Protein backbone atom coordinates (compact mmCIF):
# COMPACT_ATOMS: atom_id res chain seq x y z
CA MET A 1 -58.74 157.22 73.54
CA ARG A 2 -57.14 154.09 72.08
CA PRO A 3 -55.60 153.78 68.63
CA ALA A 4 -57.46 151.48 66.24
CA ASP A 5 -54.45 150.38 64.19
CA PHE A 6 -50.83 151.20 63.38
CA ASP A 7 -51.63 154.23 61.19
CA ASP A 8 -53.97 155.61 63.82
CA LEU A 9 -51.28 155.04 66.46
CA ILE A 10 -48.63 156.95 64.48
CA TRP A 11 -51.06 159.82 63.87
CA MET A 12 -52.05 160.01 67.55
CA LEU A 13 -48.40 160.00 68.62
CA MET A 14 -47.47 162.73 66.14
CA GLU A 15 -50.42 164.87 67.25
CA GLY A 16 -49.54 164.39 70.92
CA GLU A 17 -52.88 162.72 71.66
CA LEU A 18 -51.14 159.68 73.13
CA GLU A 19 -48.20 159.38 75.50
CA PRO A 20 -45.56 157.19 73.83
CA ASN A 21 -44.40 154.03 75.57
CA GLY A 22 -41.07 152.23 75.04
CA THR A 23 -42.08 150.48 71.81
CA ASP A 24 -43.47 153.74 70.42
CA MET A 25 -40.25 155.58 71.14
CA ILE A 26 -38.16 153.05 69.21
CA VAL A 27 -40.58 153.11 66.26
CA LEU A 28 -40.70 156.91 66.17
CA LEU A 29 -36.92 157.23 66.43
CA ARG A 30 -36.42 154.73 63.62
CA ALA A 31 -39.08 156.46 61.49
CA SER A 32 -37.25 159.74 62.03
CA GLU A 33 -33.96 158.15 60.98
CA LEU A 34 -35.53 156.67 57.86
CA ALA A 35 -37.13 160.01 56.97
CA LYS A 36 -33.65 161.56 57.09
CA GLY A 37 -32.34 158.84 54.78
CA GLU A 38 -30.41 156.98 57.48
CA THR A 39 -30.83 153.40 56.33
CA ALA A 40 -28.20 151.89 58.62
CA SER A 41 -28.50 152.26 62.36
CA ASP A 42 -26.79 150.52 65.28
CA TRP A 43 -29.37 149.00 67.61
CA SER A 44 -27.03 146.27 68.85
CA GLY A 45 -27.39 147.07 72.55
CA SER A 46 -30.46 144.87 72.97
CA LEU A 47 -31.79 142.08 70.78
CA MET A 48 -35.40 143.08 71.50
CA ILE A 49 -34.79 146.74 70.64
CA ALA A 50 -32.90 145.71 67.49
CA GLU A 51 -35.87 143.56 66.45
CA ILE A 52 -38.35 146.40 67.06
CA ALA A 53 -36.16 148.72 64.96
CA ALA A 54 -36.01 146.10 62.18
CA LEU A 55 -39.80 145.72 62.33
CA ALA A 56 -40.08 149.50 62.02
CA ASP A 57 -37.86 149.31 58.93
CA GLN A 58 -40.30 146.80 57.46
CA ALA A 59 -43.36 148.82 58.51
CA PHE A 60 -42.06 151.87 56.65
CA SER A 61 -40.59 149.97 53.69
CA GLY A 62 -41.92 149.89 50.15
CA ASP A 63 -42.51 146.13 50.20
CA PRO A 64 -46.25 145.45 50.64
CA ALA A 65 -45.54 141.86 51.71
CA GLU A 66 -43.54 143.13 54.70
CA ILE A 67 -45.47 146.26 55.63
CA GLU A 68 -48.70 144.79 57.00
CA PRO A 69 -47.25 141.97 59.15
CA ALA A 70 -44.67 144.36 60.64
CA ARG A 71 -47.33 146.95 61.42
CA GLU A 72 -49.54 144.31 63.02
CA VAL A 73 -46.67 143.10 65.22
CA LEU A 74 -45.61 146.62 66.22
CA PHE A 75 -49.19 147.62 67.01
CA ALA A 76 -49.71 144.45 69.08
CA LEU A 77 -46.40 145.01 70.91
CA ARG A 78 -47.44 148.55 71.72
CA GLN A 79 -50.88 147.51 72.91
CA SER A 80 -49.43 144.61 74.90
CA GLU A 81 -47.12 147.03 76.70
CA ALA A 82 -50.09 149.34 77.36
CA SER A 83 -52.11 146.37 78.69
CA ASP A 84 -49.30 145.55 81.11
CA ALA A 85 -49.27 149.13 82.37
CA ALA A 86 -53.05 149.01 82.84
CA GLY A 87 -52.95 145.59 84.55
CA ASP A 88 -55.28 144.12 81.91
CA ARG A 89 -54.18 140.49 81.65
CA GLU A 90 -56.87 139.39 79.15
CA GLU A 91 -56.01 142.23 76.79
CA GLY A 92 -52.32 141.42 77.10
CA ILE A 93 -53.04 137.80 76.18
CA ARG A 94 -55.05 138.89 73.14
CA HIS A 95 -52.21 141.11 71.90
CA SER A 96 -49.56 138.45 72.55
CA GLU A 97 -51.59 136.01 70.47
CA ALA A 98 -51.77 138.65 67.71
CA ILE A 99 -47.99 139.01 67.79
CA LEU A 100 -47.61 135.26 67.29
CA ARG A 101 -50.06 135.29 64.37
CA HIS A 102 -48.04 137.92 62.50
CA VAL A 103 -44.39 137.68 63.55
CA ASP A 104 -41.80 135.73 61.59
CA ALA A 105 -40.23 133.85 64.50
CA ALA A 106 -37.18 132.90 62.43
CA ARG A 107 -36.36 136.58 61.77
CA PHE A 108 -37.57 137.96 65.09
CA PRO A 109 -37.02 135.19 67.65
CA VAL A 110 -36.86 137.41 70.73
CA THR A 111 -40.11 139.16 69.81
CA ALA A 112 -41.84 135.80 69.29
CA ALA A 113 -40.28 134.39 72.47
CA GLY A 114 -41.48 137.43 74.44
CA ALA A 115 -45.06 136.81 73.31
CA HIS A 116 -44.76 133.11 74.24
CA LEU A 117 -43.26 134.08 77.60
CA LYS A 118 -46.08 136.52 78.32
CA LEU A 119 -48.70 133.89 77.43
CA GLY A 120 -46.91 131.25 79.49
CA GLY A 121 -46.89 133.56 82.50
CA ALA A 122 -50.43 134.89 82.16
CA LEU A 123 -52.41 131.79 81.22
CA PRO A 124 -51.91 129.91 84.53
CA LYS A 125 -53.57 132.79 86.37
CA LEU A 126 -56.59 132.41 84.10
CA SER A 127 -56.73 128.65 84.60
CA ARG A 128 -58.24 129.03 88.07
CA SER A 129 -61.97 129.28 88.56
CA ASP A 130 -64.65 128.32 91.06
CA ASN A 131 -64.72 124.89 89.39
CA GLY A 132 -61.02 124.27 90.02
CA ILE A 133 -58.10 124.44 87.65
CA ASP A 134 -58.42 124.04 83.90
CA ARG A 135 -55.50 121.73 83.14
CA SER A 136 -55.71 122.36 79.38
CA VAL A 137 -54.91 126.04 80.01
CA LEU A 138 -51.91 125.01 82.10
CA ARG A 139 -50.75 122.71 79.30
CA ARG A 140 -51.03 125.63 76.85
CA ALA A 141 -48.94 127.76 79.21
CA VAL A 142 -46.24 125.09 79.44
CA GLY A 143 -46.24 124.81 75.64
CA HIS A 144 -45.75 128.55 75.25
CA LEU A 145 -42.92 128.52 77.79
CA GLY A 146 -41.25 125.65 75.92
CA SER A 147 -41.53 127.66 72.70
CA ALA A 148 -40.01 130.70 74.43
CA LEU A 149 -37.05 128.62 75.58
CA ALA A 150 -36.58 127.16 72.11
CA LEU A 151 -36.54 130.63 70.52
CA LEU A 152 -34.53 132.60 73.07
CA PRO A 153 -30.81 132.87 72.36
CA GLU A 154 -28.41 131.98 75.17
CA GLN A 155 -27.47 135.65 75.75
CA GLU A 156 -31.03 136.33 76.92
CA ALA A 157 -30.25 134.60 80.23
CA ASP A 158 -32.77 136.59 82.30
CA LEU A 159 -35.66 135.79 79.97
CA ARG A 160 -34.61 132.14 79.78
CA ALA A 161 -34.55 131.97 83.59
CA MET A 162 -38.02 133.54 83.73
CA ALA A 163 -39.34 131.00 81.23
CA ARG A 164 -37.87 128.08 83.20
CA TYR A 165 -39.26 129.44 86.48
CA ASN A 166 -42.75 129.95 85.03
CA ALA A 167 -42.65 126.47 83.45
CA ALA A 168 -41.75 124.96 86.83
CA LEU A 169 -44.71 126.75 88.42
CA ALA A 170 -47.08 125.61 85.66
CA PHE A 171 -45.87 121.99 85.99
CA ARG A 172 -46.31 122.24 89.77
CA ASP A 173 -49.87 123.49 89.30
CA LEU A 174 -50.57 120.66 86.85
CA TRP A 175 -49.28 118.15 89.36
CA ARG A 176 -51.25 119.65 92.26
CA SER A 177 -54.47 119.86 90.25
CA GLY A 178 -54.51 116.18 89.28
CA ASP A 179 -55.88 113.31 91.36
CA GLU A 180 -52.76 111.42 90.40
CA TRP A 181 -49.87 111.82 88.02
CA ASP A 182 -50.34 109.07 85.47
CA ASP A 183 -48.66 108.27 82.15
CA ASP A 184 -51.82 108.85 80.14
CA ASP A 185 -52.41 112.34 81.45
CA ASP A 186 -49.59 114.82 81.84
CA ARG A 187 -46.18 113.19 82.07
CA GLY A 188 -44.01 114.24 79.19
CA LYS A 189 -46.58 116.57 77.67
CA PRO A 190 -45.47 120.15 77.13
């Protein structure tokens, strides 16, 4: 059974109908802290975890303008993680796109960068078909990887390296899939 939305997810987790994943654990722990009146919490060990905890703060806040986007992002993060575990690339792409629709990249750059990184890594695999390689999909992947690099802070060295590596592979695939590398086609395009 799959949760339909954030409220359904929280209910299923509380009732034990769903095994919590990493994102769920952070959200539940932060919800527990908030229920006890603990408004300040130190999540400084990881930027991503700190952002998930801050999104949980928003999701359980009294500000309607913050509640819905935060819940959408947290639900998409959770489902994206579940898609990874299930090996469902298309579902992971769908949830990463949902994250990007709802996340405030200025406030949550690592969360946004993670969604861009996932899209940049997954899209090239979907660009291949019996008809060859869809170069527009590869260009989208490179664009997402460029966005990930622009958003990721320097201290996220491993994620930055992954983004650069995946971008190099996508550029290589673009180059290999073309009859020639000409100025009007791909050079200089993200």
